[in-house]
Amino acid sequence: MAKKLNEKTTKTLKERRKLPLATPTDLAAAATRDISAALNQLLADVFALYLKTKNFHWHVSGPHFRDYHLLLDEQGDQLFAMTDPLAERIRKIGGTTLRSIGHISRMQRVSDNDADYVQPLDMLAELREDNKMLAAALREAHNITDEHRDIASSSLIENWIDETERRTWFLFEASRQGDSTGH
């Protein structure tokens, strides 16, 4: 009898594996599809920007090393902190999320920088532009979440826009050269 139950249990488990993830939500199927796509695109961009920020953090050099190193570490932490809430939001509304580094690389809009050496001010400029692009992408995703009345996703995005604008501002200010009068 135990063997028969075991076979029955095994068959049931195999059948369950084929079932779709059916997270309950009051959002329409089209909303889940559209919002999940937008949030997954953001998630890929955030992972790519996180890794680029950490790459520059690890490889920055020069007279402002400490300041830039700490700034980029803080910004990397902030980006990484976005990843789990983004992925969990996708799952909460019934979507599926990124599954691998390859999946991220196929979706990311943030370009990689694999150069052996990048001047520190070029690092800051590149990250500033990437963060500006991310802010624009966050606004586009916000339009989609608003369209489908997904208030929770919109709220998260609003906070991330503010954080992204702050990163952009700090990168801009850290890279300013000052004028000839010393101001």
N, C-alpha and C. Protein backbone atom coordinates (compact mmCIF):
# COMPACT_ATOMS: atom_id res chain seq x y z
N MET A 1 0.82 -1.20 0.00
CA MET A 1 0.00 0.00 0.00
C MET A 1 0.86 1.25 0.00
N ALA A 2 1.97 1.23 0.78
CA ALA A 2 2.84 2.40 0.86
C ALA A 2 3.44 2.72 -0.51
N LYS A 3 3.79 1.68 -1.27
CA LYS A 3 4.36 1.91 -2.59
C LYS A 3 3.34 2.57 -3.51
N LYS A 4 2.09 2.15 -3.42
CA LYS A 4 1.05 2.72 -4.26
C LYS A 4 0.81 4.19 -3.91
N LEU A 5 0.80 4.53 -2.63
CA LEU A 5 0.65 5.93 -2.23
C LEU A 5 1.83 6.76 -2.73
N ASN A 6 2.99 6.18 -2.65
CA ASN A 6 4.18 6.87 -3.11
C ASN A 6 4.09 7.16 -4.61
N GLU A 7 3.63 6.19 -5.39
CA GLU A 7 3.47 6.39 -6.83
C GLU A 7 2.40 7.44 -7.11
N LYS A 8 1.32 7.40 -6.35
CA LYS A 8 0.23 8.37 -6.52
C LYS A 8 0.72 9.77 -6.16
N THR A 9 1.46 9.87 -5.08
CA THR A 9 2.01 11.16 -4.66
C THR A 9 2.97 11.68 -5.72
N THR A 10 3.80 10.82 -6.23
CA THR A 10 4.76 11.21 -7.26
C THR A 10 4.03 11.72 -8.50
N LYS A 11 3.00 11.04 -8.91
CA LYS A 11 2.22 11.45 -10.08
C LYS A 11 1.57 12.81 -9.84
N THR A 12 1.02 13.00 -8.66
CA THR A 12 0.38 14.28 -8.31
C THR A 12 1.39 15.42 -8.34
N LEU A 13 2.57 15.18 -7.78
CA LEU A 13 3.60 16.21 -7.78
C LEU A 13 4.04 16.56 -9.19
N LYS A 14 4.19 15.57 -10.05
CA LYS A 14 4.57 15.81 -11.44
C LYS A 14 3.50 16.64 -12.16
N GLU A 15 2.24 16.36 -11.88
CA GLU A 15 1.15 17.12 -12.49
C GLU A 15 1.14 18.57 -11.99
N ARG A 16 1.42 18.76 -10.71
CA ARG A 16 1.45 20.11 -10.16
C ARG A 16 2.54 20.97 -10.79
N ARG A 17 3.66 20.35 -11.14
CA ARG A 17 4.77 21.10 -11.75
C ARG A 17 4.37 21.72 -13.07
N LYS A 18 3.40 21.14 -13.73
CA LYS A 18 2.96 21.63 -15.03
C LYS A 18 1.95 22.77 -14.90
N LEU A 19 1.40 22.96 -13.72
CA LEU A 19 0.41 24.01 -13.53
C LEU A 19 1.07 25.39 -13.57
N PRO A 20 0.37 26.37 -14.11
CA PRO A 20 0.93 27.73 -14.11
C PRO A 20 0.91 28.32 -12.71
N LEU A 21 1.78 29.30 -12.50
CA LEU A 21 1.72 30.05 -11.25
C LEU A 21 0.46 30.89 -11.31
N ALA A 22 -0.44 30.67 -10.42
CA ALA A 22 -1.73 31.36 -10.48
C ALA A 22 -1.91 32.22 -9.23
N THR A 23 -1.03 33.19 -9.08
CA THR A 23 -1.14 34.09 -7.94
C THR A 23 -2.43 34.89 -8.07
N PRO A 24 -3.27 34.88 -7.04
CA PRO A 24 -4.54 35.60 -7.14
C PRO A 24 -4.32 37.12 -7.13
N THR A 25 -5.02 37.81 -8.00
CA THR A 25 -4.96 39.27 -8.08
C THR A 25 -6.27 39.78 -8.65
N ASP A 26 -6.62 40.99 -8.29
CA ASP A 26 -7.83 41.60 -8.86
C ASP A 26 -7.51 42.34 -10.15
N LEU A 27 -6.24 42.39 -10.54
CA LEU A 27 -5.87 43.03 -11.79
C LEU A 27 -6.24 42.12 -12.97
N ALA A 28 -6.62 42.72 -14.06
CA ALA A 28 -6.95 41.97 -15.27
C ALA A 28 -5.68 41.31 -15.81
N ALA A 29 -5.88 40.27 -16.61
CA ALA A 29 -4.74 39.55 -17.20
C ALA A 29 -3.87 40.50 -18.02
N ALA A 30 -4.47 41.42 -18.74
CA ALA A 30 -3.70 42.39 -19.54
C ALA A 30 -2.86 43.28 -18.64
N ALA A 31 -3.39 43.66 -17.48
CA ALA A 31 -2.64 44.48 -16.54
C ALA A 31 -1.44 43.71 -16.01
N THR A 32 -1.65 42.47 -15.63
CA THR A 32 -0.55 41.64 -15.15
C THR A 32 0.53 41.51 -16.22
N ARG A 33 0.12 41.28 -17.44
CA ARG A 33 1.07 41.13 -18.54
C ARG A 33 1.86 42.43 -18.75
N ASP A 34 1.16 43.56 -18.87
CA ASP A 34 1.81 44.84 -19.17
C ASP A 34 2.70 45.31 -18.02
N ILE A 35 2.20 45.22 -16.81
CA ILE A 35 2.96 45.69 -15.65
C ILE A 35 4.17 44.78 -15.41
N SER A 36 3.97 43.48 -15.51
CA SER A 36 5.09 42.54 -15.33
C SER A 36 6.18 42.80 -16.36
N ALA A 37 5.80 43.05 -17.58
CA ALA A 37 6.79 43.33 -18.63
C ALA A 37 7.57 44.60 -18.30
N ALA A 38 6.86 45.64 -17.89
CA ALA A 38 7.53 46.91 -17.57
C ALA A 38 8.44 46.75 -16.35
N LEU A 39 7.98 46.06 -15.33
CA LEU A 39 8.78 45.89 -14.11
C LEU A 39 9.97 44.96 -14.35
N ASN A 40 9.80 43.93 -15.17
CA ASN A 40 10.93 43.06 -15.50
C ASN A 40 12.00 43.83 -16.28
N GLN A 41 11.56 44.71 -17.17
CA GLN A 41 12.51 45.55 -17.91
C GLN A 41 13.30 46.42 -16.94
N LEU A 42 12.59 47.01 -15.98
CA LEU A 42 13.26 47.82 -14.95
C LEU A 42 14.22 46.96 -14.13
N LEU A 43 13.78 45.78 -13.76
CA LEU A 43 14.60 44.90 -12.95
C LEU A 43 15.90 44.56 -13.67
N ALA A 44 15.83 44.28 -14.96
CA ALA A 44 17.04 44.00 -15.73
C ALA A 44 17.96 45.22 -15.75
N ASP A 45 17.37 46.40 -15.94
CA ASP A 45 18.17 47.63 -15.95
C ASP A 45 18.81 47.89 -14.59
N VAL A 46 18.07 47.66 -13.52
CA VAL A 46 18.60 47.90 -12.18
C VAL A 46 19.74 46.94 -11.87
N PHE A 47 19.58 45.67 -12.23
CA PHE A 47 20.68 44.72 -12.02
C PHE A 47 21.92 45.13 -12.82
N ALA A 48 21.73 45.52 -14.08
CA ALA A 48 22.86 45.94 -14.92
C ALA A 48 23.53 47.19 -14.35
N LEU A 49 22.73 48.16 -13.90
CA LEU A 49 23.29 49.38 -13.34
C LEU A 49 23.96 49.11 -12.00
N TYR A 50 23.40 48.20 -11.22
CA TYR A 50 24.02 47.80 -9.96
C TYR A 50 25.42 47.25 -10.22
N LEU A 51 25.53 46.31 -11.16
CA LEU A 51 26.83 45.69 -11.42
C LEU A 51 27.82 46.70 -12.00
N LYS A 52 27.35 47.59 -12.86
CA LYS A 52 28.25 48.62 -13.40
C LYS A 52 28.72 49.54 -12.29
N THR A 53 27.82 49.91 -11.39
CA THR A 53 28.18 50.78 -10.27
C THR A 53 29.20 50.10 -9.38
N LYS A 54 28.99 48.82 -9.08
CA LYS A 54 29.96 48.09 -8.26
C LYS A 54 31.29 47.91 -9.00
N ASN A 55 31.26 47.68 -10.30
CA ASN A 55 32.48 47.58 -11.09
C ASN A 55 33.30 48.87 -10.93
N PHE A 56 32.64 50.01 -11.09
CA PHE A 56 33.35 51.28 -10.96
C PHE A 56 33.80 51.50 -9.52
N HIS A 57 33.00 51.09 -8.56
CA HIS A 57 33.37 51.17 -7.14
C HIS A 57 34.66 50.39 -6.89
N TRP A 58 34.77 49.20 -7.46
CA TRP A 58 35.94 48.35 -7.25
C TRP A 58 37.18 48.88 -7.97
N HIS A 59 36.98 49.60 -9.08
CA HIS A 59 38.10 49.98 -9.92
C HIS A 59 38.42 51.47 -9.94
N VAL A 60 37.70 52.26 -9.17
CA VAL A 60 37.99 53.71 -9.15
C VAL A 60 39.38 53.93 -8.55
N SER A 61 40.04 54.98 -9.01
CA SER A 61 41.37 55.31 -8.50
C SER A 61 41.55 56.82 -8.55
N GLY A 62 42.67 57.27 -8.03
CA GLY A 62 42.99 58.69 -8.13
C GLY A 62 42.83 59.44 -6.83
N PRO A 63 43.04 60.77 -6.91
CA PRO A 63 43.06 61.59 -5.69
C PRO A 63 41.73 61.64 -4.93
N HIS A 64 40.62 61.37 -5.62
CA HIS A 64 39.31 61.39 -4.95
C HIS A 64 38.81 59.97 -4.70
N PHE A 65 39.73 59.03 -4.66
CA PHE A 65 39.39 57.62 -4.51
C PHE A 65 38.39 57.37 -3.38
N ARG A 66 38.70 57.83 -2.19
CA ARG A 66 37.85 57.52 -1.03
C ARG A 66 36.44 58.04 -1.22
N ASP A 67 36.32 59.29 -1.64
CA ASP A 67 34.99 59.88 -1.83
C ASP A 67 34.19 59.13 -2.89
N TYR A 68 34.82 58.86 -4.03
CA TYR A 68 34.11 58.17 -5.11
C TYR A 68 33.81 56.72 -4.73
N HIS A 69 34.76 56.08 -4.09
CA HIS A 69 34.59 54.69 -3.67
C HIS A 69 33.38 54.57 -2.73
N LEU A 70 33.29 55.45 -1.76
CA LEU A 70 32.16 55.42 -0.82
C LEU A 70 30.85 55.80 -1.49
N LEU A 71 30.87 56.80 -2.36
CA LEU A 71 29.67 57.21 -3.08
C LEU A 71 29.12 56.06 -3.92
N LEU A 72 29.99 55.40 -4.66
CA LEU A 72 29.54 54.32 -5.53
C LEU A 72 29.10 53.10 -4.73
N ASP A 73 29.70 52.87 -3.58
CA ASP A 73 29.26 51.77 -2.72
C ASP A 73 27.84 52.04 -2.22
N GLU A 74 27.61 53.26 -1.76
CA GLU A 74 26.27 53.64 -1.28
C GLU A 74 25.24 53.53 -2.40
N GLN A 75 25.60 53.99 -3.59
CA GLN A 75 24.66 53.92 -4.71
C GLN A 75 24.41 52.49 -5.14
N GLY A 76 25.43 51.65 -5.11
CA GLY A 76 25.24 50.24 -5.43
C GLY A 76 24.30 49.57 -4.45
N ASP A 77 24.47 49.86 -3.16
CA ASP A 77 23.57 49.30 -2.15
C ASP A 77 22.13 49.72 -2.40
N GLN A 78 21.94 50.98 -2.77
CA GLN A 78 20.61 51.50 -3.02
C GLN A 78 19.97 50.79 -4.23
N LEU A 79 20.75 50.58 -5.27
CA LEU A 79 20.23 49.88 -6.44
C LEU A 79 19.88 48.43 -6.11
N PHE A 80 20.78 47.75 -5.40
CA PHE A 80 20.51 46.36 -5.05
C PHE A 80 19.24 46.25 -4.19
N ALA A 81 19.01 47.24 -3.35
CA ALA A 81 17.82 47.23 -2.49
C ALA A 81 16.53 47.34 -3.29
N MET A 82 16.60 47.77 -4.52
CA MET A 82 15.41 47.85 -5.38
C MET A 82 15.03 46.49 -5.96
N THR A 83 15.98 45.58 -6.08
CA THR A 83 15.75 44.37 -6.86
C THR A 83 14.69 43.45 -6.26
N ASP A 84 14.75 43.20 -4.97
CA ASP A 84 13.79 42.27 -4.37
C ASP A 84 12.37 42.83 -4.37
N PRO A 85 12.16 44.09 -3.98
CA PRO A 85 10.80 44.64 -4.08
C PRO A 85 10.25 44.64 -5.52
N LEU A 86 11.12 44.89 -6.49
CA LEU A 86 10.67 44.84 -7.89
C LEU A 86 10.21 43.42 -8.26
N ALA A 87 11.06 42.44 -7.99
CA ALA A 87 10.72 41.06 -8.33
C ALA A 87 9.49 40.58 -7.56
N GLU A 88 9.42 40.91 -6.29
CA GLU A 88 8.26 40.48 -5.49
C GLU A 88 6.98 41.16 -5.95
N ARG A 89 7.07 42.40 -6.40
CA ARG A 89 5.88 43.08 -6.91
C ARG A 89 5.36 42.36 -8.15
N ILE A 90 6.27 41.95 -9.01
CA ILE A 90 5.88 41.21 -10.21
C ILE A 90 5.13 39.93 -9.82
N ARG A 91 5.66 39.23 -8.83
CA ARG A 91 5.02 37.98 -8.37
C ARG A 91 3.69 38.25 -7.68
N LYS A 92 3.59 39.34 -6.92
CA LYS A 92 2.35 39.65 -6.20
C LYS A 92 1.18 39.87 -7.16
N ILE A 93 1.47 40.39 -8.34
CA ILE A 93 0.39 40.66 -9.28
C ILE A 93 0.16 39.51 -10.25
N GLY A 94 0.86 38.40 -10.03
CA GLY A 94 0.62 37.21 -10.83
C GLY A 94 1.58 37.00 -11.99
N GLY A 95 2.62 37.81 -12.08
CA GLY A 95 3.59 37.65 -13.15
C GLY A 95 4.74 36.75 -12.75
N THR A 96 5.62 36.52 -13.68
CA THR A 96 6.86 35.80 -13.40
C THR A 96 8.01 36.77 -13.67
N THR A 97 9.13 36.49 -13.05
CA THR A 97 10.23 37.44 -13.12
C THR A 97 11.48 36.84 -13.74
N LEU A 98 12.51 37.64 -13.80
CA LEU A 98 13.79 37.22 -14.38
C LEU A 98 14.30 35.96 -13.70
N ARG A 99 15.00 35.15 -14.48
CA ARG A 99 15.44 33.86 -13.95
C ARG A 99 16.95 33.65 -14.00
N SER A 100 17.68 34.52 -14.70
CA SER A 100 19.11 34.26 -14.85
C SER A 100 19.85 35.51 -15.30
N ILE A 101 21.18 35.43 -15.22
CA ILE A 101 22.03 36.50 -15.73
C ILE A 101 21.79 36.66 -17.24
N GLY A 102 21.64 35.56 -17.94
CA GLY A 102 21.36 35.61 -19.37
C GLY A 102 20.07 36.34 -19.67
N HIS A 103 19.05 36.08 -18.86
CA HIS A 103 17.76 36.76 -19.03
C HIS A 103 17.94 38.26 -18.84
N ILE A 104 18.71 38.64 -17.82
CA ILE A 104 18.99 40.06 -17.58
C ILE A 104 19.70 40.65 -18.79
N SER A 105 20.72 39.97 -19.30
CA SER A 105 21.51 40.53 -20.41
C SER A 105 20.67 40.69 -21.68
N ARG A 106 19.68 39.84 -21.86
CA ARG A 106 18.81 39.96 -23.04
C ARG A 106 17.85 41.13 -22.91
N MET A 107 17.54 41.54 -21.69
CA MET A 107 16.54 42.60 -21.49
C MET A 107 17.12 43.96 -21.14
N GLN A 108 18.32 44.02 -20.62
CA GLN A 108 18.86 45.28 -20.10
C GLN A 108 19.03 46.32 -21.21
N ARG A 109 18.77 47.57 -20.83
CA ARG A 109 19.01 48.70 -21.71
C ARG A 109 20.25 49.48 -21.28
N VAL A 110 20.73 49.23 -20.07
CA VAL A 110 21.95 49.86 -19.57
C VAL A 110 23.12 49.14 -20.22
N SER A 111 24.00 49.90 -20.87
CA SER A 111 25.13 49.26 -21.54
C SER A 111 26.21 48.89 -20.53
N ASP A 112 26.87 47.77 -20.80
CA ASP A 112 27.97 47.33 -19.95
C ASP A 112 29.21 48.16 -20.26
N ASN A 113 30.13 48.18 -19.32
CA ASN A 113 31.43 48.80 -19.55
C ASN A 113 32.48 47.81 -19.05
N ASP A 114 33.12 47.14 -19.99
CA ASP A 114 34.12 46.12 -19.67
C ASP A 114 35.54 46.63 -19.85
N ALA A 115 35.70 47.94 -19.96
CA ALA A 115 37.04 48.50 -20.19
C ALA A 115 37.97 48.17 -19.03
N ASP A 116 39.23 47.96 -19.35
CA ASP A 116 40.23 47.69 -18.31
C ASP A 116 40.42 48.90 -17.41
N TYR A 117 40.33 50.10 -17.97
CA TYR A 117 40.51 51.30 -17.17
C TYR A 117 39.55 52.39 -17.66
N VAL A 118 38.91 53.05 -16.71
CA VAL A 118 38.03 54.17 -17.00
C VAL A 118 38.42 55.30 -16.06
N GLN A 119 38.60 56.48 -16.61
CA GLN A 119 38.92 57.65 -15.79
C GLN A 119 37.79 57.86 -14.78
N PRO A 120 38.10 58.23 -13.54
CA PRO A 120 37.07 58.41 -12.52
C PRO A 120 35.94 59.37 -12.93
N LEU A 121 36.28 60.50 -13.54
CA LEU A 121 35.22 61.43 -13.96
C LEU A 121 34.37 60.85 -15.08
N ASP A 122 34.96 60.00 -15.91
CA ASP A 122 34.18 59.31 -16.94
C ASP A 122 33.23 58.29 -16.32
N MET A 123 33.68 57.64 -15.25
CA MET A 123 32.81 56.72 -14.52
C MET A 123 31.57 57.46 -14.02
N LEU A 124 31.82 58.59 -13.36
CA LEU A 124 30.71 59.35 -12.79
C LEU A 124 29.77 59.85 -13.88
N ALA A 125 30.33 60.31 -14.99
CA ALA A 125 29.50 60.80 -16.09
C ALA A 125 28.65 59.67 -16.69
N GLU A 126 29.26 58.52 -16.86
CA GLU A 126 28.53 57.38 -17.43
C GLU A 126 27.41 56.93 -16.50
N LEU A 127 27.70 56.83 -15.23
CA LEU A 127 26.66 56.44 -14.26
C LEU A 127 25.57 57.50 -14.15
N ARG A 128 25.95 58.78 -14.26
CA ARG A 128 24.95 59.86 -14.23
C ARG A 128 23.97 59.68 -15.39
N GLU A 129 24.50 59.44 -16.59
CA GLU A 129 23.63 59.26 -17.75
C GLU A 129 22.78 57.99 -17.62
N ASP A 130 23.35 56.92 -17.09
CA ASP A 130 22.58 55.69 -16.88
C ASP A 130 21.45 55.92 -15.88
N ASN A 131 21.72 56.67 -14.82
CA ASN A 131 20.67 56.96 -13.84
C ASN A 131 19.60 57.87 -14.44
N LYS A 132 19.98 58.81 -15.28
CA LYS A 132 18.98 59.65 -15.97
C LYS A 132 18.09 58.77 -16.85
N MET A 133 18.70 57.82 -17.55
CA MET A 133 17.93 56.90 -18.39
C MET A 133 16.99 56.06 -17.52
N LEU A 134 17.49 55.62 -16.36
CA LEU A 134 16.66 54.82 -15.47
C LEU A 134 15.48 55.63 -14.95
N ALA A 135 15.70 56.90 -14.63
CA ALA A 135 14.60 57.75 -14.16
C ALA A 135 13.53 57.85 -15.25
N ALA A 136 13.94 58.02 -16.50
CA ALA A 136 12.97 58.09 -17.60
C ALA A 136 12.23 56.76 -17.74
N ALA A 137 12.94 55.65 -17.61
CA ALA A 137 12.30 54.33 -17.71
C ALA A 137 11.33 54.11 -16.55
N LEU A 138 11.68 54.59 -15.37
CA LEU A 138 10.77 54.49 -14.22
C LEU A 138 9.49 55.29 -14.49
N ARG A 139 9.62 56.46 -15.08
CA ARG A 139 8.44 57.26 -15.41
C ARG A 139 7.55 56.54 -16.43
N GLU A 140 8.17 55.91 -17.42
CA GLU A 140 7.40 55.15 -18.41
C GLU A 140 6.65 54.00 -17.74
N ALA A 141 7.32 53.29 -16.85
CA ALA A 141 6.67 52.19 -16.13
C ALA A 141 5.53 52.73 -15.26
N HIS A 142 5.75 53.91 -14.67
CA HIS A 142 4.70 54.54 -13.84
C HIS A 142 3.46 54.82 -14.68
N ASN A 143 3.65 55.24 -15.93
CA ASN A 143 2.51 55.47 -16.82
C ASN A 143 1.70 54.19 -16.99
N ILE A 144 2.39 53.07 -17.12
CA ILE A 144 1.72 51.78 -17.30
C ILE A 144 0.99 51.37 -16.03
N THR A 145 1.64 51.52 -14.88
CA THR A 145 0.98 51.13 -13.63
C THR A 145 -0.22 52.04 -13.34
N ASP A 146 -0.10 53.31 -13.68
CA ASP A 146 -1.23 54.23 -13.51
C ASP A 146 -2.39 53.84 -14.42
N GLU A 147 -2.06 53.50 -15.66
CA GLU A 147 -3.08 53.12 -16.63
C GLU A 147 -3.92 51.95 -16.12
N HIS A 148 -3.29 51.03 -15.41
CA HIS A 148 -3.98 49.84 -14.90
C HIS A 148 -4.40 49.98 -13.43
N ARG A 149 -4.26 51.19 -12.90
CA ARG A 149 -4.66 51.49 -11.52
C ARG A 149 -3.94 50.61 -10.49
N ASP A 150 -2.69 50.30 -10.75
CA ASP A 150 -1.86 49.52 -9.82
C ASP A 150 -1.15 50.51 -8.89
N ILE A 151 -1.87 50.92 -7.88
CA ILE A 151 -1.39 51.96 -6.97
C ILE A 151 -0.14 51.53 -6.22
N ALA A 152 -0.05 50.29 -5.82
CA ALA A 152 1.11 49.82 -5.06
C ALA A 152 2.38 49.90 -5.90
N SER A 153 2.33 49.44 -7.15
CA SER A 153 3.50 49.54 -8.02
C SER A 153 3.85 51.00 -8.28
N SER A 154 2.85 51.82 -8.52
CA SER A 154 3.09 53.25 -8.75
C SER A 154 3.79 53.89 -7.57
N SER A 155 3.36 53.55 -6.38
CA SER A 155 3.96 54.11 -5.17
C SER A 155 5.43 53.74 -5.04
N LEU A 156 5.75 52.47 -5.27
CA LEU A 156 7.15 52.04 -5.23
C LEU A 156 7.97 52.81 -6.27
N ILE A 157 7.44 52.90 -7.47
CA ILE A 157 8.15 53.58 -8.55
C ILE A 157 8.40 55.04 -8.21
N GLU A 158 7.43 55.69 -7.59
CA GLU A 158 7.60 57.10 -7.23
C GLU A 158 8.80 57.28 -6.29
N ASN A 159 8.94 56.41 -5.32
CA ASN A 159 10.09 56.48 -4.42
C ASN A 159 11.39 56.21 -5.17
N TRP A 160 11.37 55.25 -6.09
CA TRP A 160 12.58 54.93 -6.84
C TRP A 160 12.99 56.06 -7.79
N ILE A 161 12.00 56.79 -8.31
CA ILE A 161 12.33 57.96 -9.14
C ILE A 161 13.08 58.97 -8.29
N ASP A 162 12.60 59.23 -7.10
CA ASP A 162 13.26 60.18 -6.22
C ASP A 162 14.69 59.73 -5.89
N GLU A 163 14.87 58.46 -5.56
CA GLU A 163 16.21 57.92 -5.26
C GLU A 163 17.12 58.02 -6.48
N THR A 164 16.58 57.74 -7.65
CA THR A 164 17.37 57.78 -8.88
C THR A 164 17.78 59.21 -9.21
N GLU A 165 16.87 60.15 -9.02
CA GLU A 165 17.21 61.56 -9.23
C GLU A 165 18.29 62.00 -8.25
N ARG A 166 18.23 61.51 -7.03
CA ARG A 166 19.26 61.84 -6.04
C ARG A 166 20.62 61.30 -6.46
N ARG A 167 20.65 60.05 -6.96
CA ARG A 167 21.91 59.49 -7.43
C ARG A 167 22.46 60.32 -8.59
N THR A 168 21.59 60.71 -9.51
CA THR A 168 22.00 61.52 -10.66
C THR A 168 22.59 62.84 -10.18
N TRP A 169 21.93 63.48 -9.25
CA TRP A 169 22.37 64.76 -8.69
C TRP A 169 23.74 64.62 -8.03
N PHE A 170 23.90 63.60 -7.19
CA PHE A 170 25.18 63.39 -6.50
C PHE A 170 26.31 63.12 -7.49
N LEU A 171 26.03 62.33 -8.51
CA LEU A 171 27.05 62.04 -9.53
C LEU A 171 27.42 63.32 -10.28
N PHE A 172 26.44 64.15 -10.56
CA PHE A 172 26.71 65.43 -11.23
C PHE A 172 27.58 66.31 -10.35
N GLU A 173 27.17 66.49 -9.11
CA GLU A 173 27.91 67.39 -8.21
C GLU A 173 29.32 66.87 -7.92
N ALA A 174 29.47 65.57 -7.78
CA ALA A 174 30.79 65.00 -7.48
C ALA A 174 31.75 65.16 -8.65
N SER A 175 31.22 65.34 -9.85
CA SER A 175 32.08 65.44 -11.03
C SER A 175 32.30 66.88 -11.50
N ARG A 176 31.72 67.84 -10.81
CA ARG A 176 31.89 69.25 -11.22
C ARG A 176 33.33 69.69 -10.97
N GLN A 177 33.85 70.46 -11.88
CA GLN A 177 35.24 70.93 -11.79
C GLN A 177 35.36 72.29 -11.11
N GLY A 178 34.30 73.03 -10.98
CA GLY A 178 34.38 74.38 -10.42
C GLY A 178 34.84 75.34 -11.49
N ASP A 179 34.68 76.64 -11.23
CA ASP A 179 35.10 77.62 -12.24
C ASP A 179 36.48 78.17 -11.89
N SER A 180 36.99 79.03 -12.72
CA SER A 180 38.36 79.52 -12.58
C SER A 180 38.55 80.43 -11.36
N THR A 181 37.45 80.92 -10.76
CA THR A 181 37.58 81.80 -9.59
C THR A 181 37.64 81.01 -8.30
N GLY A 182 37.54 79.69 -8.41
CA GLY A 182 37.62 78.86 -7.21
C GLY A 182 36.28 78.58 -6.57
N HIS A 183 35.20 78.99 -7.21
CA HIS A 183 33.85 78.76 -6.67
C HIS A 183 33.32 77.42 -7.05
